[in-house]
Amino acid sequence: MRWNMIVLASCLVTAGCAGSSMAERQDADIQSSLQYDSVPCGQLLAQRNALAQQHNLSTKAKPTFSNPAMGFGPFMPDVRSKAKQDADKATGEMDAMNRSIDRRDCGKPDQQKKLLPG
């Protein structure tokens, strides 16, 4: 029994250190929105909509994280299907695009600037 626990613990550590743990891969799906700030609004909206359509996702999709039991996330191997991994990556990209779109007020009519009487 003792050897089984040692083997199990070493397997978990090895799986987590191999760079393919679920927590590490899910963290990698999150992206910075700053990379999209130089993309014109119209092009960025079209990119986001195409990505959502390709993966059958909502344009307002947010990344989700699994909650492995007892804090073993860094040691759990990533067992998601390839389709799920691709959809999660697309969700992270779309979330970054949405943050850039919101920050720059893309897709909204230009606000009329009112001059104060002086």
Protein backbone atom coordinates (compact mmCIF):
# COMPACT_ATOMS: atom_id res chain seq x y z
CA MET A 1 0.00 0.00 0.00
CA ARG A 2 2.83 2.35 0.87
CA TRP A 3 4.56 1.75 -2.47
CA ASN A 4 1.31 2.40 -4.31
CA MET A 5 1.05 5.83 -2.71
CA ILE A 6 4.67 6.66 -3.58
CA VAL A 7 4.17 5.59 -7.20
CA LEU A 8 0.90 7.55 -7.43
CA ALA A 9 2.48 10.67 -5.96
CA SER A 10 5.46 10.48 -8.32
CA CYS A 11 3.14 9.99 -11.32
CA LEU A 12 1.11 13.06 -10.34
CA VAL A 13 4.23 15.17 -9.95
CA THR A 14 5.57 13.95 -13.30
CA ALA A 15 2.27 14.72 -15.05
CA GLY A 16 2.23 18.22 -13.61
CA CYS A 17 5.84 18.93 -14.48
CA ALA A 18 5.47 17.78 -18.07
CA GLY A 19 3.78 21.05 -19.08
CA SER A 20 0.52 19.36 -19.90
CA SER A 21 -1.38 19.83 -16.66
CA MET A 22 -4.97 20.98 -16.92
CA ALA A 23 -4.37 24.09 -14.81
CA GLU A 24 -1.39 25.15 -16.92
CA ARG A 25 -3.22 24.66 -20.20
CA GLN A 26 -6.32 26.50 -18.99
CA ASP A 27 -4.17 29.41 -17.81
CA ALA A 28 -2.54 29.55 -21.25
CA ASP A 29 -5.97 30.10 -22.85
CA ILE A 30 -6.28 33.52 -21.18
CA GLN A 31 -4.87 36.29 -23.36
CA SER A 32 -4.13 39.98 -23.04
CA SER A 33 -6.53 42.31 -24.77
CA LEU A 34 -3.76 44.81 -25.53
CA GLN A 35 -2.67 42.82 -28.57
CA TYR A 36 -6.01 43.65 -30.24
CA ASP A 37 -5.93 47.40 -29.59
CA SER A 38 -4.10 48.06 -32.88
CA VAL A 39 -6.68 46.11 -34.93
CA PRO A 40 -9.35 48.36 -36.50
CA CYS A 41 -12.76 48.02 -34.84
CA GLY A 42 -14.58 46.66 -37.88
CA GLN A 43 -11.94 44.01 -38.50
CA LEU A 44 -11.84 43.02 -34.83
CA LEU A 45 -15.63 42.62 -34.66
CA ALA A 46 -15.56 40.47 -37.82
CA GLN A 47 -12.71 38.35 -36.40
CA ARG A 48 -14.56 37.78 -33.13
CA ASN A 49 -17.82 36.90 -34.86
CA ALA A 50 -16.09 34.45 -37.22
CA LEU A 51 -14.33 32.76 -34.30
CA ALA A 52 -17.61 32.45 -32.40
CA GLN A 53 -19.35 30.98 -35.42
CA GLN A 54 -16.52 28.55 -36.12
CA HIS A 55 -16.73 27.07 -32.61
CA ASN A 56 -20.51 27.52 -32.12
CA LEU A 57 -20.01 29.89 -29.19
CA SER A 58 -21.72 33.05 -28.03
CA THR A 59 -19.84 36.24 -28.88
CA LYS A 60 -19.95 37.08 -25.16
CA ALA A 61 -18.47 33.73 -24.03
CA LYS A 62 -16.15 33.85 -21.00
CA PRO A 63 -13.37 31.38 -20.16
CA THR A 64 -14.22 28.74 -17.58
CA PHE A 65 -11.94 26.72 -15.35
CA SER A 66 -12.40 23.22 -14.00
CA ASN A 67 -12.20 22.78 -10.26
CA PRO A 68 -10.18 19.64 -9.51
CA ALA A 69 -10.69 18.13 -6.10
CA MET A 70 -8.29 18.74 -3.22
CA GLY A 71 -6.00 21.20 -5.02
CA PHE A 72 -4.52 18.69 -7.45
CA GLY A 73 -5.03 21.05 -10.42
CA PRO A 74 -1.32 21.56 -11.14
CA PHE A 75 -0.83 17.79 -11.14
CA MET A 76 -3.90 16.65 -13.08
CA PRO A 77 -3.12 15.81 -16.73
CA ASP A 78 -5.24 17.63 -19.31
CA VAL A 79 -7.83 15.09 -20.40
CA ARG A 80 -10.08 17.47 -22.35
CA SER A 81 -10.86 16.47 -25.93
CA LYS A 82 -9.14 18.31 -28.78
CA ALA A 83 -12.44 19.99 -29.68
CA LYS A 84 -12.92 21.18 -26.09
CA GLN A 85 -9.35 22.49 -25.93
CA ASP A 86 -9.85 24.39 -29.20
CA ALA A 87 -13.17 25.84 -27.99
CA ASP A 88 -11.60 26.92 -24.69
CA LYS A 89 -8.72 28.58 -26.55
CA ALA A 90 -11.20 30.38 -28.83
CA THR A 91 -13.16 31.52 -25.76
CA GLY A 92 -9.99 33.05 -24.30
CA GLU A 93 -9.26 34.85 -27.57
CA MET A 94 -12.83 36.14 -27.84
CA ASP A 95 -12.77 37.37 -24.25
CA ALA A 96 -9.59 39.35 -24.98
CA MET A 97 -11.18 40.75 -28.14
CA ASN A 98 -14.32 41.71 -26.19
CA ARG A 99 -12.28 43.58 -23.58
CA SER A 100 -10.53 45.54 -26.34
CA ILE A 101 -13.87 46.21 -28.06
CA ASP A 102 -15.45 47.42 -24.82
CA ARG A 103 -12.48 49.59 -23.88
CA ARG A 104 -12.45 51.30 -27.29
CA ASP A 105 -16.27 51.46 -27.60
CA CYS A 106 -16.19 49.64 -30.93
CA GLY A 107 -19.54 49.03 -32.57
CA LYS A 108 -21.20 51.95 -30.80
CA PRO A 109 -22.18 55.13 -32.60
CA ASP A 110 -19.81 58.03 -32.03
CA GLN A 111 -20.83 60.13 -29.08
CA GLN A 112 -21.76 63.67 -30.04
CA LYS A 113 -19.44 66.01 -28.22
CA LYS A 114 -21.30 68.96 -26.80
CA LEU A 115 -19.38 72.14 -26.38
CA LEU A 116 -19.96 74.06 -23.24
CA PRO A 117 -20.94 77.70 -23.73
CA GLY A 118 -18.01 79.83 -22.84
